[in-house]
Every structure is written in C-alpha cells, then in structure tokens.
Amino acid sequence: MSRLLLACVFALMSVVGIAGVASAQEAANAPVAAAQQTTVNPGPAVNAPQEPSPEIRQETKRKLWIGAIALGLFVLVYYRNKRRWAAWRKARAAKKG
C-alpha cells in the first residue's frame, strides 16, 4: 500500500514539475510591458490614541480570561486522557503477558 502511494505521489510531482517548466518557458517568450512613472502620494495620517478606551480594556481582559479558562480546560483534558491512555496500555500489557 505504501509503495502504491509513493508511486502516485512521485507521478503527481513529475506532472506538476513538467507543467511548471512548460509555463516558465512560455512566460520567457512573452513581451514585457514597460514600467510607467507614478506619482508618490504621502501615507495616510495616523492619529492613534495613546491609551485604549475603558471599553476596549474591559473587552481585552474578558478575552484574556476566556482564553486562560480554555487553556486550563485543555490542560485538564490532556492530562486526564494521558492518564487513561497509560492505564489502558498497562492493562493491555498485563493481559497479554
């Protein structure tokens, strides 16, 4: 099965490689447009506030708390599954042996 998959991947890479070479050669023969002069406009004026508003600070704190709770739950589930997996492997090894 893995040899068949490897052969398919190799064939696909060969086709993509050949198509890439063909398109690169076509692009080399295409005429190139000359660059035109453009006027330079100054960048937009940015007057960002130095300190965020209280509403934004509250929303940021809320998002940080939600993220911390989500991370804590993820850690708890990860360690629970790790312990269960270790116990399952141990029981399976004892059953075989």
N, C-alpha and C. Protein backbone atom coordinates (compact mmCIF):
# COMPACT_ATOMS: atom_id res chain seq x y z
N MET A 1 0.82 -1.20 0.00
CA MET A 1 0.00 0.00 0.00
C MET A 1 0.86 1.25 0.00
N SER A 2 1.91 1.27 0.81
CA SER A 2 2.74 2.47 0.88
C SER A 2 3.53 2.66 -0.41
N ARG A 3 3.89 1.56 -1.08
CA ARG A 3 4.61 1.69 -2.35
C ARG A 3 3.70 2.29 -3.42
N LEU A 4 2.44 1.89 -3.42
CA LEU A 4 1.49 2.45 -4.38
C LEU A 4 1.29 3.94 -4.12
N LEU A 5 1.17 4.31 -2.87
CA LEU A 5 1.02 5.72 -2.52
C LEU A 5 2.25 6.51 -2.92
N LEU A 6 3.43 5.95 -2.68
CA LEU A 6 4.67 6.62 -3.06
C LEU A 6 4.76 6.79 -4.57
N ALA A 7 4.34 5.78 -5.33
CA ALA A 7 4.36 5.88 -6.79
C ALA A 7 3.40 6.96 -7.28
N CYS A 8 2.23 7.04 -6.66
CA CYS A 8 1.26 8.07 -7.06
C CYS A 8 1.79 9.47 -6.75
N VAL A 9 2.41 9.64 -5.60
CA VAL A 9 2.98 10.94 -5.24
C VAL A 9 4.10 11.31 -6.21
N PHE A 10 4.95 10.35 -6.55
CA PHE A 10 6.03 10.62 -7.49
C PHE A 10 5.49 11.01 -8.86
N ALA A 11 4.45 10.30 -9.33
CA ALA A 11 3.86 10.62 -10.62
C ALA A 11 3.24 12.02 -10.61
N LEU A 12 2.56 12.35 -9.54
CA LEU A 12 1.95 13.67 -9.43
C LEU A 12 3.00 14.77 -9.41
N MET A 13 4.09 14.55 -8.68
CA MET A 13 5.17 15.54 -8.64
C MET A 13 5.82 15.69 -10.01
N SER A 14 5.94 14.61 -10.75
CA SER A 14 6.53 14.68 -12.09
C SER A 14 5.66 15.51 -13.02
N VAL A 15 4.35 15.29 -12.97
CA VAL A 15 3.44 16.04 -13.83
C VAL A 15 3.47 17.51 -13.48
N VAL A 16 3.44 17.83 -12.19
CA VAL A 16 3.48 19.23 -11.77
C VAL A 16 4.80 19.87 -12.16
N GLY A 17 5.89 19.14 -12.03
CA GLY A 17 7.20 19.67 -12.40
C GLY A 17 7.29 19.95 -13.88
N ILE A 18 6.76 19.06 -14.72
CA ILE A 18 6.79 19.26 -16.17
C ILE A 18 5.91 20.44 -16.55
N ALA A 19 4.74 20.57 -15.95
CA ALA A 19 3.85 21.68 -16.25
C ALA A 19 4.49 23.00 -15.81
N GLY A 20 5.21 22.98 -14.70
CA GLY A 20 5.87 24.19 -14.22
C GLY A 20 6.96 24.64 -15.17
N VAL A 21 7.73 23.70 -15.72
CA VAL A 21 8.79 24.04 -16.67
C VAL A 21 8.18 24.59 -17.95
N ALA A 22 7.09 23.99 -18.42
CA ALA A 22 6.45 24.45 -19.65
C ALA A 22 5.91 25.86 -19.48
N SER A 23 5.28 26.16 -18.36
CA SER A 23 4.73 27.50 -18.18
C SER A 23 5.85 28.52 -18.01
N ALA A 24 6.97 28.13 -17.43
CA ALA A 24 8.09 29.05 -17.28
C ALA A 24 8.69 29.40 -18.64
N GLN A 25 8.75 28.46 -19.55
CA GLN A 25 9.29 28.73 -20.88
C GLN A 25 8.35 29.63 -21.67
N GLU A 26 7.06 29.44 -21.54
CA GLU A 26 6.11 30.30 -22.23
C GLU A 26 6.21 31.73 -21.73
N ALA A 27 6.40 31.92 -20.45
CA ALA A 27 6.47 33.25 -19.89
C ALA A 27 7.73 33.97 -20.35
N ALA A 28 8.80 33.24 -20.63
CA ALA A 28 10.04 33.87 -21.06
C ALA A 28 9.89 34.48 -22.46
N ASN A 29 9.05 33.91 -23.30
CA ASN A 29 8.87 34.41 -24.67
C ASN A 29 7.83 35.52 -24.75
N ALA A 30 7.09 35.77 -23.69
CA ALA A 30 6.03 36.77 -23.71
C ALA A 30 6.64 38.18 -23.66
N PRO A 31 5.99 39.15 -24.36
CA PRO A 31 6.50 40.52 -24.31
C PRO A 31 6.33 41.11 -22.91
N VAL A 32 7.25 41.97 -22.54
CA VAL A 32 7.24 42.59 -21.22
C VAL A 32 6.81 44.05 -21.36
N ALA A 33 5.83 44.47 -20.55
CA ALA A 33 5.38 45.85 -20.59
C ALA A 33 6.36 46.74 -19.85
N ALA A 34 6.56 47.93 -20.36
CA ALA A 34 7.48 48.87 -19.71
C ALA A 34 6.82 49.46 -18.48
N ALA A 35 7.61 49.72 -17.46
CA ALA A 35 7.09 50.30 -16.23
C ALA A 35 6.78 51.78 -16.46
N GLN A 36 5.67 52.25 -15.91
CA GLN A 36 5.27 53.64 -16.06
C GLN A 36 5.58 54.39 -14.77
N GLN A 37 5.83 55.68 -14.92
CA GLN A 37 6.08 56.53 -13.76
C GLN A 37 4.77 56.82 -13.07
N THR A 38 4.77 56.72 -11.77
CA THR A 38 3.57 57.06 -10.99
C THR A 38 3.94 58.13 -9.98
N THR A 39 2.94 58.89 -9.61
CA THR A 39 3.19 59.91 -8.59
C THR A 39 3.14 59.27 -7.22
N VAL A 40 3.95 59.79 -6.32
CA VAL A 40 4.01 59.24 -4.97
C VAL A 40 3.11 60.08 -4.08
N ASN A 41 2.15 59.41 -3.45
CA ASN A 41 1.25 60.08 -2.52
C ASN A 41 1.77 59.86 -1.11
N PRO A 42 1.68 60.87 -0.27
CA PRO A 42 2.12 60.65 1.11
C PRO A 42 1.20 59.65 1.80
N GLY A 43 1.71 58.96 2.78
CA GLY A 43 0.94 57.96 3.51
C GLY A 43 -0.20 58.60 4.29
N PRO A 44 -1.13 57.78 4.71
CA PRO A 44 -2.27 58.33 5.46
C PRO A 44 -1.81 58.85 6.82
N ALA A 45 -2.49 59.86 7.29
CA ALA A 45 -2.18 60.42 8.60
C ALA A 45 -2.80 59.52 9.66
N VAL A 46 -1.99 59.11 10.61
CA VAL A 46 -2.46 58.21 11.66
C VAL A 46 -2.37 58.94 12.99
N ASN A 47 -3.49 59.11 13.63
CA ASN A 47 -3.54 59.70 14.96
C ASN A 47 -4.12 58.67 15.92
N ALA A 48 -3.34 57.65 16.21
CA ALA A 48 -3.81 56.58 17.09
C ALA A 48 -3.82 57.07 18.53
N PRO A 49 -4.84 56.70 19.29
CA PRO A 49 -4.85 57.11 20.69
C PRO A 49 -3.74 56.39 21.46
N GLN A 50 -3.16 57.07 22.41
CA GLN A 50 -2.05 56.51 23.17
C GLN A 50 -2.52 55.48 24.18
N GLU A 51 -3.74 55.62 24.66
CA GLU A 51 -4.27 54.70 25.66
C GLU A 51 -5.64 54.22 25.19
N PRO A 52 -5.88 52.89 25.22
CA PRO A 52 -7.18 52.40 24.76
C PRO A 52 -8.30 52.84 25.70
N SER A 53 -9.48 52.89 25.13
CA SER A 53 -10.64 53.32 25.93
C SER A 53 -10.97 52.25 26.97
N PRO A 54 -11.69 52.62 28.03
CA PRO A 54 -12.04 51.64 29.08
C PRO A 54 -12.85 50.46 28.55
N GLU A 55 -13.69 50.68 27.55
CA GLU A 55 -14.48 49.58 26.98
C GLU A 55 -13.58 48.56 26.32
N ILE A 56 -12.58 49.06 25.61
CA ILE A 56 -11.66 48.15 24.93
C ILE A 56 -10.82 47.38 25.95
N ARG A 57 -10.39 48.06 27.01
CA ARG A 57 -9.61 47.38 28.05
C ARG A 57 -10.44 46.30 28.72
N GLN A 58 -11.71 46.56 28.99
CA GLN A 58 -12.57 45.56 29.62
C GLN A 58 -12.76 44.36 28.70
N GLU A 59 -12.96 44.64 27.41
CA GLU A 59 -13.14 43.55 26.45
C GLU A 59 -11.86 42.71 26.34
N THR A 60 -10.72 43.37 26.37
CA THR A 60 -9.44 42.66 26.30
C THR A 60 -9.26 41.77 27.53
N LYS A 61 -9.59 42.29 28.70
CA LYS A 61 -9.49 41.49 29.93
C LYS A 61 -10.41 40.29 29.87
N ARG A 62 -11.63 40.51 29.36
CA ARG A 62 -12.59 39.41 29.24
C ARG A 62 -12.07 38.33 28.30
N LYS A 63 -11.50 38.75 27.17
CA LYS A 63 -10.96 37.78 26.22
C LYS A 63 -9.78 37.02 26.82
N LEU A 64 -8.94 37.71 27.60
CA LEU A 64 -7.81 37.03 28.24
C LEU A 64 -8.29 36.00 29.25
N TRP A 65 -9.33 36.34 30.03
CA TRP A 65 -9.88 35.39 31.00
C TRP A 65 -10.46 34.18 30.29
N ILE A 66 -11.20 34.41 29.21
CA ILE A 66 -11.79 33.30 28.46
C ILE A 66 -10.68 32.41 27.89
N GLY A 67 -9.63 33.01 27.36
CA GLY A 67 -8.51 32.24 26.84
C GLY A 67 -7.81 31.43 27.91
N ALA A 68 -7.63 32.03 29.10
CA ALA A 68 -6.98 31.32 30.20
C ALA A 68 -7.83 30.14 30.67
N ILE A 69 -9.15 30.34 30.74
CA ILE A 69 -10.04 29.25 31.15
C ILE A 69 -10.01 28.13 30.11
N ALA A 70 -10.03 28.50 28.83
CA ALA A 70 -9.98 27.49 27.77
C ALA A 70 -8.66 26.71 27.83
N LEU A 71 -7.57 27.42 28.06
CA LEU A 71 -6.27 26.74 28.17
C LEU A 71 -6.25 25.80 29.37
N GLY A 72 -6.79 26.24 30.50
CA GLY A 72 -6.85 25.39 31.68
C GLY A 72 -7.67 24.13 31.44
N LEU A 73 -8.82 24.28 30.78
CA LEU A 73 -9.64 23.11 30.47
C LEU A 73 -8.91 22.16 29.52
N PHE A 74 -8.21 22.71 28.54
CA PHE A 74 -7.45 21.87 27.61
C PHE A 74 -6.39 21.07 28.36
N VAL A 75 -5.68 21.71 29.29
CA VAL A 75 -4.64 21.02 30.05
C VAL A 75 -5.25 19.90 30.89
N LEU A 76 -6.39 20.19 31.54
CA LEU A 76 -7.05 19.16 32.34
C LEU A 76 -7.47 17.95 31.49
N VAL A 77 -8.06 18.20 30.34
CA VAL A 77 -8.48 17.11 29.47
C VAL A 77 -7.26 16.35 28.94
N TYR A 78 -6.20 17.07 28.60
CA TYR A 78 -4.98 16.41 28.09
C TYR A 78 -4.41 15.46 29.12
N TYR A 79 -4.24 15.93 30.37
CA TYR A 79 -3.67 15.07 31.39
C TYR A 79 -4.60 13.92 31.76
N ARG A 80 -5.92 14.15 31.76
CA ARG A 80 -6.86 13.06 32.01
C ARG A 80 -6.71 11.97 30.95
N ASN A 81 -6.67 12.39 29.68
CA ASN A 81 -6.53 11.41 28.60
C ASN A 81 -5.17 10.72 28.65
N LYS A 82 -4.15 11.44 29.04
CA LYS A 82 -2.82 10.84 29.15
C LYS A 82 -2.82 9.74 30.21
N ARG A 83 -3.44 10.02 31.37
CA ARG A 83 -3.52 9.01 32.44
C ARG A 83 -4.36 7.81 32.00
N ARG A 84 -5.48 8.08 31.33
CA ARG A 84 -6.34 6.98 30.88
C ARG A 84 -5.62 6.13 29.85
N TRP A 85 -4.88 6.76 28.94
CA TRP A 85 -4.15 6.03 27.92
C TRP A 85 -3.06 5.17 28.58
N ALA A 86 -2.36 5.71 29.57
CA ALA A 86 -1.31 4.95 30.26
C ALA A 86 -1.92 3.76 30.99
N ALA A 87 -3.05 3.96 31.64
CA ALA A 87 -3.71 2.86 32.34
C ALA A 87 -4.18 1.80 31.36
N TRP A 88 -4.70 2.22 30.22
CA TRP A 88 -5.17 1.27 29.21
C TRP A 88 -4.00 0.45 28.66
N ARG A 89 -2.88 1.11 28.38
CA ARG A 89 -1.71 0.38 27.88
C ARG A 89 -1.20 -0.60 28.91
N LYS A 90 -1.18 -0.18 30.18
CA LYS A 90 -0.70 -1.05 31.25
C LYS A 90 -1.61 -2.28 31.37
N ALA A 91 -2.92 -2.08 31.32
CA ALA A 91 -3.85 -3.19 31.42
C ALA A 91 -3.73 -4.11 30.21
N ARG A 92 -3.51 -3.54 29.06
CA ARG A 92 -3.36 -4.36 27.85
C ARG A 92 -2.09 -5.18 27.90
N ALA A 93 -0.99 -4.58 28.41
CA ALA A 93 0.26 -5.31 28.52
C ALA A 93 0.13 -6.43 29.54
N ALA A 94 -0.58 -6.17 30.64
CA ALA A 94 -0.76 -7.20 31.66
C ALA A 94 -1.64 -8.34 31.13
N LYS A 95 -2.59 -8.00 30.29
CA LYS A 95 -3.48 -9.00 29.71
C LYS A 95 -2.71 -9.92 28.75
N LYS A 96 -1.82 -9.34 27.95
CA LYS A 96 -1.02 -10.11 27.00
C LYS A 96 0.00 -10.99 27.72
N GLY A 97 0.64 -10.41 28.72
CA GLY A 97 1.77 -11.07 29.38
C GLY A 97 1.36 -12.09 30.32
